[in-house]
Structures are given as structure tokens and as C-alpha cells.
Amino acid sequence: MRKLLLLSGLALCILSAVAGCGGGSEKSTTQSEPVKLTISAAASLKDAAEELKTIYAQQQPNVRVTYNFGASGTLQKQIEEGAPVDIFISADKSQMDALAEKGLILDDSRKDLLGNELVLIIR
């Protein structure tokens, strides 16, 4: 169930970004150049993201997804230093808050996709 939620959240994020990458009226619906999408994501999402990339490539062959995995703080620093990123998926809200305070993300594009809860299981 958790994996399905993660994949669904990532798919929503990618679809939103690709929709925003659409060109103006001068482009035809049959583009010859692929859309390039760069996603910086927390390293903990690597397995799910790679699986999603395979599925997404089958459905959207004109979109080339490139991942940059790492610690959320490291990815934040890369963005602050000008790294080209279309989507940033952080493992912690604090990195998104810091980037927002510096005006480095589009306010309307920010979405909380996933969350964690601590669960105690007693047998």
C-alpha cells in the first residue's frame, strides 16, 4: 500500500510538471524533440522513482526523465547554487521552506505528496 501511494504521488508530480512544460500555440502536437525533465529527489525515493520512470517512459515516450538523488539538504544547496531542476521532492519540509523563503520555487507549484507516521506494534 505504501509503495502504491508513493508511486501515485510521484506520478502526479511528474504529470503536473510535464503539463507545465507544454509549449505555446506554435508547437504542434507531434513534437520531434523530447521534453527533458530533471527531478532532484531524496535518496530514499530511488527505488520507487526508478520503477515509476520505467512505467512513465512507456506511456510518455517523448519525455526524458533524469533523476538526481541525494540527501534533501544537499539537493537544496544544489538548487540554491543554480542547479537546473524541474521538480524537487524533498524528504523534509524544512528544505522546501528554505527554498520558498529565498524565492527559488513557484509558490503555486508546491504540493505535499507524502507523509510519515511513527507506528508502535505490540504483539
N, C-alpha and C. Protein backbone atom coordinates (compact mmCIF):
# COMPACT_ATOMS: atom_id res chain seq x y z
N MET A 1 0.82 -1.19 0.00
CA MET A 1 0.00 0.00 0.00
C MET A 1 0.87 1.26 0.00
N ARG A 2 1.93 1.26 0.83
CA ARG A 2 2.82 2.43 0.92
C ARG A 2 3.50 2.69 -0.43
N LYS A 3 3.94 1.59 -1.08
CA LYS A 3 4.60 1.73 -2.37
C LYS A 3 3.65 2.30 -3.42
N LEU A 4 2.40 1.85 -3.40
CA LEU A 4 1.41 2.36 -4.33
C LEU A 4 1.16 3.85 -4.11
N LEU A 5 1.08 4.27 -2.84
CA LEU A 5 0.89 5.69 -2.55
C LEU A 5 2.08 6.52 -3.02
N LEU A 6 3.28 5.99 -2.81
CA LEU A 6 4.49 6.68 -3.24
C LEU A 6 4.52 6.82 -4.76
N LEU A 7 4.25 5.73 -5.45
CA LEU A 7 4.24 5.77 -6.92
C LEU A 7 3.17 6.72 -7.44
N SER A 8 2.01 6.70 -6.82
CA SER A 8 0.93 7.61 -7.24
C SER A 8 1.33 9.07 -7.04
N GLY A 9 1.94 9.35 -5.90
CA GLY A 9 2.38 10.72 -5.62
C GLY A 9 3.43 11.19 -6.60
N LEU A 10 4.40 10.33 -6.89
CA LEU A 10 5.44 10.70 -7.86
C LEU A 10 4.85 10.88 -9.25
N ALA A 11 3.92 10.01 -9.63
CA ALA A 11 3.29 10.14 -10.94
C ALA A 11 2.55 11.47 -11.06
N LEU A 12 1.83 11.83 -10.02
CA LEU A 12 1.12 13.11 -10.02
C LEU A 12 2.07 14.27 -10.18
N CYS A 13 3.19 14.20 -9.47
CA CYS A 13 4.19 15.26 -9.53
C CYS A 13 4.77 15.38 -10.94
N ILE A 14 5.13 14.26 -11.53
CA ILE A 14 5.71 14.28 -12.88
C ILE A 14 4.69 14.76 -13.90
N LEU A 15 3.46 14.27 -13.80
CA LEU A 15 2.43 14.70 -14.75
C LEU A 15 2.18 16.21 -14.65
N SER A 16 2.19 16.73 -13.44
CA SER A 16 1.99 18.17 -13.26
C SER A 16 3.11 18.96 -13.91
N ALA A 17 4.34 18.49 -13.73
CA ALA A 17 5.48 19.20 -14.31
C ALA A 17 5.47 19.13 -15.83
N VAL A 18 5.15 17.96 -16.37
CA VAL A 18 5.12 17.82 -17.83
C VAL A 18 4.02 18.69 -18.42
N ALA A 19 2.89 18.77 -17.75
CA ALA A 19 1.82 19.62 -18.24
C ALA A 19 2.27 21.08 -18.27
N GLY A 20 3.08 21.47 -17.31
CA GLY A 20 3.60 22.83 -17.27
C GLY A 20 4.68 23.08 -18.30
N CYS A 21 5.28 22.01 -18.84
CA CYS A 21 6.33 22.14 -19.84
C CYS A 21 5.78 22.29 -21.24
N GLY A 22 4.47 22.21 -21.38
CA GLY A 22 3.87 22.31 -22.70
C GLY A 22 4.18 23.64 -23.35
N GLY A 23 4.40 23.61 -24.65
CA GLY A 23 4.76 24.82 -25.36
C GLY A 23 3.56 25.66 -25.70
N GLY A 24 3.81 26.76 -26.36
CA GLY A 24 2.75 27.64 -26.80
C GLY A 24 2.07 27.10 -28.03
N SER A 25 1.25 27.94 -28.66
CA SER A 25 0.46 27.50 -29.80
C SER A 25 1.32 27.25 -31.03
N GLU A 26 2.58 27.69 -31.04
CA GLU A 26 3.43 27.49 -32.21
C GLU A 26 3.91 26.05 -32.36
N LYS A 27 3.79 25.24 -31.31
CA LYS A 27 4.24 23.86 -31.38
C LYS A 27 3.09 22.96 -31.77
N SER A 28 3.38 21.98 -32.59
CA SER A 28 2.35 21.02 -32.97
C SER A 28 2.26 19.94 -31.91
N THR A 29 1.21 19.12 -31.99
CA THR A 29 1.03 18.06 -31.00
C THR A 29 2.01 16.92 -31.21
N THR A 30 2.66 16.85 -32.36
CA THR A 30 3.66 15.81 -32.60
C THR A 30 5.03 16.46 -32.57
N GLN A 31 5.58 16.61 -31.38
CA GLN A 31 6.87 17.24 -31.21
C GLN A 31 7.96 16.28 -31.64
N SER A 32 8.98 16.80 -32.32
CA SER A 32 10.09 15.95 -32.71
C SER A 32 11.15 15.90 -31.61
N GLU A 33 11.27 16.96 -30.82
CA GLU A 33 12.25 16.99 -29.74
C GLU A 33 11.61 16.50 -28.44
N PRO A 34 12.31 15.64 -27.70
CA PRO A 34 11.73 15.16 -26.44
C PRO A 34 11.72 16.26 -25.38
N VAL A 35 10.79 16.15 -24.47
CA VAL A 35 10.73 17.03 -23.31
C VAL A 35 11.72 16.47 -22.30
N LYS A 36 12.58 17.33 -21.77
CA LYS A 36 13.57 16.90 -20.78
C LYS A 36 13.11 17.37 -19.41
N LEU A 37 13.00 16.43 -18.49
CA LEU A 37 12.51 16.72 -17.15
C LEU A 37 13.56 16.27 -16.15
N THR A 38 14.07 17.21 -15.35
CA THR A 38 15.09 16.90 -14.35
C THR A 38 14.44 16.91 -12.97
N ILE A 39 14.57 15.79 -12.27
CA ILE A 39 13.95 15.63 -10.96
C ILE A 39 15.03 15.38 -9.92
N SER A 40 15.13 16.26 -8.94
CA SER A 40 16.01 16.05 -7.79
C SER A 40 15.13 15.50 -6.68
N ALA A 41 15.49 14.32 -6.17
CA ALA A 41 14.65 13.66 -5.18
C ALA A 41 15.48 13.04 -4.08
N ALA A 42 14.87 12.95 -2.92
CA ALA A 42 15.51 12.33 -1.77
C ALA A 42 15.93 10.91 -2.11
N ALA A 43 17.10 10.52 -1.65
CA ALA A 43 17.66 9.20 -1.97
C ALA A 43 16.73 8.07 -1.54
N SER A 44 15.94 8.28 -0.52
CA SER A 44 15.02 7.24 -0.05
C SER A 44 13.94 6.91 -1.06
N LEU A 45 13.77 7.75 -2.07
CA LEU A 45 12.75 7.52 -3.09
C LEU A 45 13.29 6.82 -4.34
N LYS A 46 14.57 6.48 -4.34
CA LYS A 46 15.21 5.97 -5.55
C LYS A 46 14.51 4.76 -6.16
N ASP A 47 14.26 3.72 -5.38
CA ASP A 47 13.65 2.51 -5.94
C ASP A 47 12.29 2.79 -6.56
N ALA A 48 11.44 3.50 -5.82
CA ALA A 48 10.10 3.80 -6.32
C ALA A 48 10.17 4.71 -7.55
N ALA A 49 11.07 5.69 -7.53
CA ALA A 49 11.18 6.63 -8.64
C ALA A 49 11.68 5.94 -9.91
N GLU A 50 12.63 5.06 -9.77
CA GLU A 50 13.15 4.33 -10.94
C GLU A 50 12.07 3.43 -11.54
N GLU A 51 11.27 2.81 -10.68
CA GLU A 51 10.17 1.98 -11.17
C GLU A 51 9.14 2.84 -11.91
N LEU A 52 8.86 3.99 -11.34
CA LEU A 52 7.91 4.90 -11.98
C LEU A 52 8.44 5.40 -13.32
N LYS A 53 9.73 5.66 -13.40
CA LYS A 53 10.34 6.14 -14.64
C LYS A 53 10.13 5.14 -15.78
N THR A 54 10.27 3.86 -15.49
CA THR A 54 10.07 2.82 -16.49
C THR A 54 8.63 2.81 -16.98
N ILE A 55 7.70 2.87 -16.06
CA ILE A 55 6.28 2.87 -16.42
C ILE A 55 5.93 4.13 -17.19
N TYR A 56 6.42 5.26 -16.74
CA TYR A 56 6.11 6.54 -17.36
C TYR A 56 6.68 6.63 -18.78
N ALA A 57 7.87 6.07 -18.98
CA ALA A 57 8.51 6.10 -20.30
C ALA A 57 7.68 5.32 -21.32
N GLN A 58 7.02 4.28 -20.89
CA GLN A 58 6.16 3.52 -21.80
C GLN A 58 4.93 4.32 -22.20
N GLN A 59 4.41 5.11 -21.28
CA GLN A 59 3.21 5.90 -21.54
C GLN A 59 3.50 7.23 -22.21
N GLN A 60 4.67 7.80 -21.95
CA GLN A 60 5.06 9.11 -22.48
C GLN A 60 6.45 9.02 -23.10
N PRO A 61 6.59 8.38 -24.26
CA PRO A 61 7.93 8.18 -24.84
C PRO A 61 8.63 9.48 -25.24
N ASN A 62 7.92 10.58 -25.32
CA ASN A 62 8.52 11.86 -25.71
C ASN A 62 9.12 12.62 -24.52
N VAL A 63 9.00 12.06 -23.31
CA VAL A 63 9.51 12.71 -22.12
C VAL A 63 10.73 11.95 -21.61
N ARG A 64 11.84 12.66 -21.45
CA ARG A 64 13.09 12.08 -20.94
C ARG A 64 13.28 12.54 -19.49
N VAL A 65 13.13 11.60 -18.56
CA VAL A 65 13.27 11.91 -17.14
C VAL A 65 14.70 11.61 -16.70
N THR A 66 15.31 12.59 -16.05
CA THR A 66 16.64 12.42 -15.47
C THR A 66 16.54 12.69 -13.98
N TYR A 67 17.02 11.73 -13.19
CA TYR A 67 16.98 11.88 -11.74
C TYR A 67 18.32 12.32 -11.19
N ASN A 68 18.25 13.06 -10.09
CA ASN A 68 19.40 13.43 -9.28
C ASN A 68 19.01 13.09 -7.84
N PHE A 69 19.52 11.96 -7.34
CA PHE A 69 19.18 11.53 -5.98
C PHE A 69 20.24 11.97 -4.99
N GLY A 70 19.82 12.29 -3.78
CA GLY A 70 20.77 12.68 -2.74
C GLY A 70 20.04 13.04 -1.47
N ALA A 71 20.78 13.47 -0.49
CA ALA A 71 20.19 13.96 0.76
C ALA A 71 19.44 15.26 0.45
N SER A 72 18.30 15.44 1.08
CA SER A 72 17.47 16.61 0.80
C SER A 72 18.23 17.92 1.02
N GLY A 73 19.05 17.98 2.06
CA GLY A 73 19.84 19.18 2.32
C GLY A 73 20.85 19.46 1.23
N THR A 74 21.48 18.41 0.73
CA THR A 74 22.44 18.54 -0.37
C THR A 74 21.74 19.02 -1.64
N LEU A 75 20.58 18.46 -1.91
CA LEU A 75 19.82 18.87 -3.10
C LEU A 75 19.37 20.32 -2.97
N GLN A 76 18.98 20.72 -1.77
CA GLN A 76 18.61 22.11 -1.53
C GLN A 76 19.77 23.03 -1.87
N LYS A 77 20.97 22.70 -1.40
CA LYS A 77 22.16 23.52 -1.67
C LYS A 77 22.43 23.60 -3.18
N GLN A 78 22.26 22.47 -3.88
CA GLN A 78 22.47 22.47 -5.33
C GLN A 78 21.52 23.44 -6.01
N ILE A 79 20.27 23.44 -5.58
CA ILE A 79 19.28 24.34 -6.17
C ILE A 79 19.64 25.79 -5.86
N GLU A 80 20.06 26.05 -4.64
CA GLU A 80 20.47 27.40 -4.25
C GLU A 80 21.66 27.89 -5.07
N GLU A 81 22.50 26.97 -5.49
CA GLU A 81 23.68 27.32 -6.28
C GLU A 81 23.42 27.31 -7.78
N GLY A 82 22.15 27.10 -8.17
CA GLY A 82 21.78 27.23 -9.57
C GLY A 82 21.64 25.95 -10.35
N ALA A 83 21.62 24.80 -9.70
CA ALA A 83 21.45 23.54 -10.43
C ALA A 83 20.10 23.55 -11.15
N PRO A 84 20.07 23.10 -12.39
CA PRO A 84 18.81 23.07 -13.14
C PRO A 84 17.92 21.93 -12.65
N VAL A 85 16.77 22.29 -12.09
CA VAL A 85 15.83 21.30 -11.54
C VAL A 85 14.42 21.71 -11.93
N ASP A 86 13.66 20.74 -12.46
CA ASP A 86 12.26 21.00 -12.77
C ASP A 86 11.35 20.63 -11.59
N ILE A 87 11.72 19.54 -10.90
CA ILE A 87 10.94 19.07 -9.76
C ILE A 87 11.90 18.73 -8.62
N PHE A 88 11.54 19.18 -7.42
CA PHE A 88 12.32 18.83 -6.23
C PHE A 88 11.40 18.09 -5.28
N ILE A 89 11.76 16.86 -4.94
CA ILE A 89 10.98 16.07 -4.00
C ILE A 89 11.85 15.85 -2.77
N SER A 90 11.56 16.59 -1.73
CA SER A 90 12.35 16.57 -0.50
C SER A 90 11.77 15.57 0.49
N ALA A 91 12.63 15.02 1.31
CA ALA A 91 12.17 14.13 2.38
C ALA A 91 11.73 14.92 3.60
N ASP A 92 11.99 16.22 3.61
CA ASP A 92 11.66 17.04 4.78
C ASP A 92 11.11 18.39 4.33
N LYS A 93 10.16 18.87 5.06
CA LYS A 93 9.51 20.15 4.77
C LYS A 93 10.47 21.33 4.91
N SER A 94 11.47 21.21 5.78
CA SER A 94 12.35 22.35 6.06
C SER A 94 13.13 22.80 4.82
N GLN A 95 13.54 21.87 3.97
CA GLN A 95 14.25 22.26 2.74
C GLN A 95 13.33 23.02 1.79
N MET A 96 12.09 22.59 1.70
CA MET A 96 11.13 23.30 0.84
C MET A 96 10.86 24.70 1.40
N ASP A 97 10.73 24.78 2.72
CA ASP A 97 10.51 26.09 3.35
C ASP A 97 11.67 27.04 3.08
N ALA A 98 12.89 26.53 3.20
CA ALA A 98 14.08 27.37 2.96
C ALA A 98 14.13 27.86 1.52
N LEU A 99 13.82 26.99 0.57
CA LEU A 99 13.83 27.39 -0.84
C LEU A 99 12.70 28.39 -1.13
N ALA A 100 11.56 28.20 -0.49
CA ALA A 100 10.44 29.13 -0.68
C ALA A 100 10.79 30.51 -0.14
N GLU A 101 11.44 30.55 1.03
CA GLU A 101 11.83 31.84 1.64
C GLU A 101 12.79 32.60 0.73
N LYS A 102 13.59 31.88 -0.04
CA LYS A 102 14.56 32.52 -0.95
C LYS A 102 13.97 32.77 -2.34
N GLY A 103 12.70 32.44 -2.51
CA GLY A 103 12.04 32.66 -3.80
C GLY A 103 12.52 31.73 -4.90
N LEU A 104 12.96 30.55 -4.53
CA LEU A 104 13.51 29.62 -5.51
C LEU A 104 12.54 28.54 -5.97
N ILE A 105 11.30 28.59 -5.49
CA ILE A 105 10.27 27.69 -6.01
C ILE A 105 9.04 28.52 -6.35
N LEU A 106 8.25 28.02 -7.26
CA LEU A 106 7.00 28.67 -7.59
C LEU A 106 5.98 28.29 -6.52
N ASP A 107 5.42 29.28 -5.83
CA ASP A 107 4.52 29.01 -4.72
C ASP A 107 3.35 28.12 -5.10
N ASP A 108 2.77 28.35 -6.25
CA ASP A 108 1.60 27.56 -6.67
C ASP A 108 1.95 26.13 -7.04
N SER A 109 3.24 25.85 -7.22
CA SER A 109 3.63 24.50 -7.64
C SER A 109 3.93 23.57 -6.47
N ARG A 110 4.01 24.12 -5.28
CA ARG A 110 4.37 23.31 -4.11
C ARG A 110 3.20 22.43 -3.68
N LYS A 111 3.48 21.13 -3.56
CA LYS A 111 2.47 20.15 -3.14
C LYS A 111 3.08 19.23 -2.09
N ASP A 112 2.33 18.95 -1.05
CA ASP A 112 2.74 17.94 -0.08
C ASP A 112 2.21 16.61 -0.60
N LEU A 113 3.14 15.74 -1.02
CA LEU A 113 2.74 14.47 -1.63
C LEU A 113 2.59 13.34 -0.64
N LEU A 114 3.54 13.24 0.29
CA LEU A 114 3.60 12.09 1.16
C LEU A 114 3.85 12.52 2.59
N GLY A 115 3.64 11.60 3.50
CA GLY A 115 3.92 11.86 4.90
C GLY A 115 4.33 10.57 5.59
N ASN A 116 4.91 10.70 6.76
CA ASN A 116 5.33 9.55 7.55
C ASN A 116 4.67 9.62 8.91
N GLU A 117 4.44 8.45 9.48
CA GLU A 117 3.94 8.37 10.83
C GLU A 117 4.72 7.31 11.57
N LEU A 118 4.97 7.55 12.83
CA LEU A 118 5.61 6.56 13.68
C LEU A 118 4.52 5.65 14.23
N VAL A 119 4.71 4.34 14.05
CA VAL A 119 3.71 3.38 14.49
C VAL A 119 4.37 2.38 15.44
N LEU A 120 3.71 2.12 16.54
CA LEU A 120 4.19 1.14 17.50
C LEU A 120 3.31 -0.10 17.40
N ILE A 121 3.95 -1.24 17.18
CA ILE A 121 3.22 -2.50 17.06
C ILE A 121 3.56 -3.37 18.26
N ILE A 122 2.53 -3.81 18.94
CA ILE A 122 2.72 -4.65 20.12
C ILE A 122 2.11 -6.01 19.83
N ARG A 123 2.86 -7.05 20.13
CA ARG A 123 2.34 -8.40 19.90
C ARG A 123 1.84 -8.99 21.16
